Amino acid sequence: MRNEKRIAMTDNQQALHDSRLKATKDNPWPYDEVKVVPSRYYGRWLSALVIAALIALVADSMITNENFGWATVGKYLFSPTILSGLLTTSWLTLVIMLLAIVLGVLLAVMRLSSNPLLAGFSRSWIWFFRGTPVLVQLIFWYNLAALYPTVNIAIPGVFSLWHGSMNDLITPWTAAILGLGLNESAYMAEIIRAGIASVDEGQQEAARALGMRKGQYLKRVTLPQAVPFIIPPTGNQVIGMLKTTSLVSVISLSDLLYSAQAIYSRTYENIPLLIVTCIWYLVATTLLSAVQTRIEKHYSKGRGR
């Protein structure tokens, strides 16, 4: 069999050599007649030209239209009032997301628990906070004193830890953190639950076979493997929360939007101040997106694409 294969290969090589010898200028090598023609993407170029034309028209309109007030934008872009509002927005986003993530982990674990009471409580929490508008929840917390004018934190018959007015306890800051944090915890609970569910059940069985308790394999086995699946949607939630904090302006908390409103309520330059607000939101979301990308790359090391 090996000799026959060698003879066949030799015959093929001889035929190829003979065909090359017969090739002349009038009778070129057959494969030289094949011409490679690049593909024409007329639709791609046409759409690119249309988009470029639209961008040029919009840019020209924004530059030449004096109503945009670019001089006013430059004047207030680094205004102390605006920067103070930006700091408030950033701080709110950080505190709210930390609260939401902690509560989300607890709710996700409770949702996956075999205890029907814990699972039912988690489902009810998620159902309520996802089913009602976040703005309504925010206003509700801000007006909680209408239901409970005073609050008494105490052990009945033993001692009183704190007693005072609900208005002293529920400030605009407290209402913002509770209203947005509790609402966001419901969404984070579902994200974390989905991440935990993405880990193969065999991992849990192996951990139990090694004698690990439920809390141990959740901390050492399940969560480390679920984190790469949890980070991308969590990053999106952080960016979304940065913009959602603009709702706190309705309870007179001096975030970025409220600070801009405070300025243009005096100067009546609405559009330039709103442009300033948009610029800072874009800067903040761009930075958060870059941080999210770095974190995703860190946790995706060693994983196949």
Protein backbone atom coordinates (compact mmCIF):
# COMPACT_ATOMS: atom_id res chain seq x y z
CA MET A 1 0.00 0.00 0.00
CA ARG A 2 2.83 2.38 0.82
CA ASN A 3 4.57 1.71 -2.54
CA GLU A 4 1.33 2.32 -4.48
CA LYS A 5 0.84 5.61 -2.67
CA ARG A 6 4.36 6.68 -3.52
CA ILE A 7 3.91 5.79 -7.22
CA ALA A 8 0.61 7.71 -7.35
CA MET A 9 2.24 10.75 -5.81
CA THR A 10 5.09 10.53 -8.29
CA ASP A 11 2.67 10.36 -11.24
CA ASN A 12 0.82 13.44 -9.97
CA GLN A 13 4.02 15.35 -9.57
CA GLN A 14 5.12 14.35 -13.11
CA ALA A 15 1.80 15.53 -14.60
CA LEU A 16 2.15 18.85 -12.78
CA HIS A 17 5.69 19.25 -14.10
CA ASP A 18 4.63 18.47 -17.69
CA SER A 19 1.77 21.00 -17.56
CA ARG A 20 4.17 23.69 -16.39
CA LEU A 21 6.57 22.95 -19.28
CA LYS A 22 3.76 23.27 -21.82
CA ALA A 23 2.74 26.70 -20.48
CA THR A 24 3.87 29.56 -22.75
CA LYS A 25 3.01 33.19 -23.14
CA ASP A 26 0.19 32.33 -25.52
CA ASN A 27 -0.90 29.43 -23.37
CA PRO A 28 -0.29 30.59 -19.79
CA TRP A 29 -0.42 28.49 -16.69
CA PRO A 30 -4.16 27.90 -16.10
CA TYR A 31 -4.14 29.26 -12.56
CA ASP A 32 -2.59 32.53 -13.70
CA GLU A 33 -5.84 33.35 -15.47
CA VAL A 34 -7.71 33.53 -12.13
CA LYS A 35 -8.18 37.15 -11.05
CA VAL A 36 -9.03 38.06 -7.48
CA VAL A 37 -11.64 40.80 -7.47
CA PRO A 38 -12.22 42.57 -4.13
CA SER A 39 -15.79 42.75 -2.88
CA ARG A 40 -17.60 46.04 -3.27
CA TYR A 41 -19.55 47.15 -0.22
CA TYR A 42 -21.63 49.89 -1.78
CA GLY A 43 -24.26 49.80 0.95
CA ARG A 44 -21.64 50.14 3.67
CA TRP A 45 -20.05 53.18 2.02
CA LEU A 46 -23.43 54.76 1.30
CA SER A 47 -24.60 54.37 4.90
CA ALA A 48 -21.28 55.77 6.16
CA LEU A 49 -21.67 58.83 3.94
CA VAL A 50 -25.25 59.37 5.11
CA ILE A 51 -24.23 59.13 8.78
CA ALA A 52 -21.26 61.46 8.22
CA ALA A 53 -23.55 63.98 6.53
CA LEU A 54 -26.04 63.83 9.41
CA ILE A 55 -23.26 64.29 11.98
CA ALA A 56 -21.92 67.28 10.04
CA LEU A 57 -25.41 68.85 9.88
CA VAL A 58 -26.05 68.34 13.60
CA ALA A 59 -22.59 69.68 14.52
CA ASP A 60 -23.07 72.73 12.30
CA SER A 61 -26.48 73.38 13.85
CA MET A 62 -25.11 73.09 17.40
CA ILE A 63 -22.16 75.37 16.69
CA THR A 64 -23.99 78.09 14.78
CA ASN A 65 -27.15 78.16 16.91
CA GLU A 66 -26.59 80.84 19.56
CA ASN A 67 -29.44 79.48 21.67
CA PHE A 68 -27.20 76.65 22.86
CA GLY A 69 -25.21 79.23 24.80
CA TRP A 70 -21.79 77.61 24.64
CA ALA A 71 -20.24 80.58 26.43
CA THR A 72 -22.61 79.94 29.36
CA VAL A 73 -21.74 76.23 29.23
CA GLY A 74 -18.06 77.06 29.59
CA LYS A 75 -18.82 79.50 32.38
CA TYR A 76 -20.70 77.00 34.56
CA LEU A 77 -18.96 73.74 33.59
CA PHE A 78 -16.57 73.96 36.55
CA SER A 79 -18.82 76.02 38.79
CA PRO A 80 -18.44 75.12 42.51
CA THR A 81 -22.21 74.55 42.70
CA ILE A 82 -22.13 72.10 39.79
CA LEU A 83 -19.05 70.28 41.13
CA SER A 84 -20.68 70.02 44.56
CA GLY A 85 -23.74 68.47 42.93
CA LEU A 86 -21.52 66.05 41.01
CA LEU A 87 -19.86 64.99 44.27
CA THR A 88 -23.27 64.41 45.85
CA THR A 89 -24.38 62.30 42.87
CA SER A 90 -21.19 60.21 42.99
CA TRP A 91 -21.44 59.68 46.75
CA LEU A 92 -25.12 58.72 46.51
CA THR A 93 -24.37 56.21 43.74
CA LEU A 94 -21.61 54.58 45.80
CA VAL A 95 -23.64 54.29 49.02
CA ILE A 96 -26.81 53.12 47.28
CA MET A 97 -25.04 50.43 45.24
CA LEU A 98 -23.14 49.13 48.29
CA LEU A 99 -26.45 48.83 50.16
CA ALA A 100 -28.14 47.21 47.15
CA ILE A 101 -25.34 44.67 46.63
CA VAL A 102 -25.27 43.62 50.30
CA LEU A 103 -29.05 43.27 50.42
CA GLY A 104 -29.02 41.60 46.98
CA VAL A 105 -26.67 38.87 48.17
CA LEU A 106 -28.83 38.20 51.24
CA LEU A 107 -32.04 38.17 49.22
CA ALA A 108 -30.55 35.90 46.54
CA VAL A 109 -29.38 33.38 49.15
CA MET A 110 -32.78 33.52 50.84
CA ARG A 111 -34.50 33.04 47.48
CA LEU A 112 -32.48 29.86 46.88
CA SER A 113 -33.04 28.61 50.43
CA SER A 114 -35.04 25.45 51.07
CA ASN A 115 -36.80 27.27 53.92
CA PRO A 116 -40.19 28.33 52.49
CA LEU A 117 -40.45 31.31 54.88
CA LEU A 118 -37.11 32.78 53.79
CA ALA A 119 -37.77 32.07 50.12
CA GLY A 120 -41.26 33.57 50.37
CA PHE A 121 -39.96 36.72 52.08
CA SER A 122 -37.35 37.19 49.34
CA ARG A 123 -39.92 36.70 46.58
CA SER A 124 -42.29 39.19 48.24
CA TRP A 125 -39.52 41.78 48.62
CA ILE A 126 -38.52 41.46 44.97
CA TRP A 127 -42.15 41.49 43.85
CA PHE A 128 -42.98 44.67 45.74
CA PHE A 129 -39.90 46.77 44.98
CA ARG A 130 -39.79 45.78 41.31
CA GLY A 131 -43.52 46.25 40.90
CA THR A 132 -43.82 49.85 42.12
CA PRO A 133 -42.21 52.91 40.47
CA VAL A 134 -38.96 54.03 42.06
CA LEU A 135 -40.10 57.68 42.06
CA VAL A 136 -43.20 56.73 44.07
CA GLN A 137 -41.04 54.84 46.57
CA LEU A 138 -38.71 57.82 46.87
CA ILE A 139 -41.55 60.24 47.63
CA PHE A 140 -43.14 57.71 50.00
CA TRP A 141 -39.99 57.48 52.13
CA TYR A 142 -39.62 61.25 52.11
CA ASN A 143 -43.17 61.63 53.46
CA LEU A 144 -42.98 58.78 55.96
CA ALA A 145 -43.61 61.26 58.80
CA ALA A 146 -47.20 61.54 57.58
CA LEU A 147 -47.70 57.93 58.73
CA TYR A 148 -45.45 57.93 61.79
CA PRO A 149 -44.90 61.45 63.16
CA THR A 150 -42.72 60.15 65.97
CA VAL A 151 -40.51 57.10 66.26
CA ASN A 152 -39.44 55.24 69.38
CA ILE A 153 -36.67 52.65 69.11
CA ALA A 154 -36.85 50.70 72.35
CA ILE A 155 -37.30 47.37 74.03
CA PRO A 156 -40.74 47.64 75.69
CA GLY A 157 -40.47 47.70 79.45
CA VAL A 158 -36.66 47.63 79.40
CA PHE A 159 -35.10 50.79 77.92
CA SER A 160 -35.52 53.31 75.13
CA LEU A 161 -32.68 53.61 72.63
CA TRP A 162 -33.96 56.61 70.66
CA HIS A 163 -37.08 58.72 70.62
CA GLY A 164 -37.77 61.66 68.33
CA SER A 165 -39.51 63.06 65.30
CA MET A 166 -39.60 61.04 62.08
CA ASN A 167 -38.65 64.20 60.18
CA ASP A 168 -35.37 64.25 62.09
CA LEU A 169 -34.73 60.63 61.14
CA ILE A 170 -35.86 60.70 57.50
CA THR A 171 -33.83 63.50 55.96
CA PRO A 172 -33.56 63.94 52.16
CA TRP A 173 -30.32 61.92 52.30
CA THR A 174 -31.96 59.08 54.23
CA ALA A 175 -35.01 59.08 51.97
CA ALA A 176 -32.79 58.97 48.86
CA ILE A 177 -30.68 56.09 50.17
CA LEU A 178 -33.69 54.07 51.32
CA GLY A 179 -35.86 54.81 48.30
CA LEU A 180 -33.22 54.02 45.67
CA GLY A 181 -31.23 51.44 47.65
CA LEU A 182 -34.15 49.18 48.55
CA ASN A 183 -35.53 49.37 45.01
CA GLU A 184 -32.14 48.51 43.52
CA SER A 185 -31.66 45.60 45.95
CA ALA A 186 -34.54 43.77 44.26
CA TYR A 187 -32.82 43.95 40.87
CA MET A 188 -29.43 43.03 42.33
CA ALA A 189 -30.99 40.01 44.05
CA GLU A 190 -32.14 38.63 40.70
CA ILE A 191 -28.75 39.33 39.09
CA ILE A 192 -26.89 37.57 41.90
CA ARG A 193 -29.37 34.69 41.96
CA ALA A 194 -28.84 34.15 38.23
CA GLY A 195 -25.07 34.22 38.74
CA ILE A 196 -25.27 31.64 41.53
CA ALA A 197 -27.57 29.45 39.43
CA SER A 198 -25.02 29.52 36.59
CA VAL A 199 -22.59 27.46 38.72
CA ASP A 200 -22.93 23.75 38.07
CA GLU A 201 -24.66 21.84 40.87
CA GLY A 202 -21.87 19.30 40.80
CA GLN A 203 -19.64 21.92 42.42
CA GLN A 204 -21.96 22.04 45.41
CA GLU A 205 -22.11 18.27 45.62
CA ALA A 206 -18.31 18.08 45.56
CA ALA A 207 -18.09 20.72 48.30
CA ARG A 208 -20.56 18.79 50.44
CA ALA A 209 -18.57 15.62 49.87
CA LEU A 210 -15.53 17.43 51.29
CA GLY A 211 -17.52 18.25 54.43
CA MET A 212 -18.14 21.95 53.73
CA ARG A 213 -21.12 23.61 55.29
CA LYS A 214 -23.53 25.60 53.11
CA GLY A 215 -22.03 28.94 54.10
CA GLN A 216 -18.52 27.67 53.41
CA TYR A 217 -19.10 26.39 49.90
CA LEU A 218 -21.19 29.44 49.09
CA LYS A 219 -18.27 31.68 50.08
CA ARG A 220 -15.40 29.53 48.76
CA VAL A 221 -16.87 27.75 45.76
CA THR A 222 -20.11 29.23 44.44
CA LEU A 223 -19.62 33.00 44.69
CA PRO A 224 -16.05 33.06 43.25
CA GLN A 225 -17.31 31.22 40.16
CA ALA A 226 -20.46 33.33 39.91
CA VAL A 227 -18.65 36.69 40.13
CA PRO A 228 -17.60 36.79 36.41
CA PHE A 229 -21.26 36.37 35.45
CA ILE A 230 -22.48 38.94 38.00
CA ILE A 231 -20.06 41.76 37.21
CA PRO A 232 -21.30 42.81 33.70
CA PRO A 233 -24.96 43.35 34.69
CA THR A 234 -23.86 44.87 38.00
CA GLY A 235 -21.73 47.37 36.12
CA ASN A 236 -24.74 48.27 34.01
CA GLN A 237 -26.80 48.75 37.17
CA VAL A 238 -24.16 51.07 38.65
CA ILE A 239 -24.19 53.22 35.51
CA GLY A 240 -27.97 53.20 35.51
CA MET A 241 -28.06 54.19 39.18
CA LEU A 242 -25.73 57.12 38.52
CA LYS A 243 -28.41 58.52 36.21
CA THR A 244 -31.34 57.42 38.38
CA THR A 245 -30.03 59.54 41.25
CA SER A 246 -31.28 62.54 39.28
CA LEU A 247 -34.73 61.65 40.70
CA VAL A 248 -33.64 62.89 44.14
CA SER A 249 -34.06 66.42 42.83
CA VAL A 250 -37.80 66.04 43.55
CA ILE A 251 -37.04 65.81 47.29
CA SER A 252 -34.73 68.86 47.15
CA LEU A 253 -31.46 66.99 47.51
CA SER A 254 -28.65 68.96 45.88
CA ASP A 255 -27.42 66.44 43.33
CA LEU A 256 -26.04 67.36 39.92
CA LEU A 257 -29.42 68.03 38.31
CA TYR A 258 -30.81 69.96 41.29
CA SER A 259 -27.69 72.13 41.35
CA ALA A 260 -28.16 72.99 37.68
CA GLN A 261 -31.84 73.73 38.32
CA ALA A 262 -30.91 76.03 41.20
CA ILE A 263 -28.71 78.05 38.85
CA TYR A 264 -31.05 78.33 35.88
CA SER A 265 -33.98 79.19 38.13
CA ARG A 266 -32.11 82.48 38.71
CA THR A 267 -30.51 83.01 35.30
CA TYR A 268 -33.28 81.48 33.12
CA GLU A 269 -30.59 79.80 30.99
CA ASN A 270 -32.15 76.35 31.00
CA ILE A 271 -30.55 74.79 27.94
CA PRO A 272 -26.89 75.68 28.71
CA LEU A 273 -27.19 74.38 32.27
CA LEU A 274 -28.83 71.16 31.09
CA ILE A 275 -25.96 70.73 28.61
CA VAL A 276 -23.51 71.14 31.50
CA THR A 277 -25.41 68.42 33.38
CA CYS A 278 -25.31 66.08 30.38
CA ILE A 279 -21.56 66.63 29.93
CA TRP A 280 -20.79 65.64 33.51
CA TYR A 281 -23.10 62.62 33.35
CA LEU A 282 -21.32 61.51 30.17
CA VAL A 283 -17.90 61.95 31.82
CA ALA A 284 -18.97 59.97 34.88
CA THR A 285 -20.55 57.12 32.89
CA THR A 286 -17.48 56.91 30.64
CA LEU A 287 -15.21 56.53 33.66
CA LEU A 288 -17.49 53.89 35.17
CA SER A 289 -17.55 52.00 31.87
CA ALA A 290 -13.74 51.99 31.80
CA VAL A 291 -13.60 50.67 35.37
CA GLN A 292 -16.17 47.99 34.52
CA THR A 293 -14.09 46.87 31.53
CA ARG A 294 -10.95 46.56 33.66
CA ILE A 295 -12.79 44.55 36.33
CA GLU A 296 -14.30 42.23 33.71
CA LYS A 297 -10.87 41.59 32.18
CA HIS A 298 -9.44 40.83 35.62
CA TYR A 299 -12.09 38.24 36.46
CA SER A 300 -12.13 36.72 32.98
CA LYS A 301 -8.49 35.60 33.15
CA GLY A 302 -8.13 31.91 32.43
CA ARG A 303 -11.58 31.62 30.91
CA GLY A 304 -12.15 30.66 27.30
CA ARG A 305 -13.84 33.11 25.00
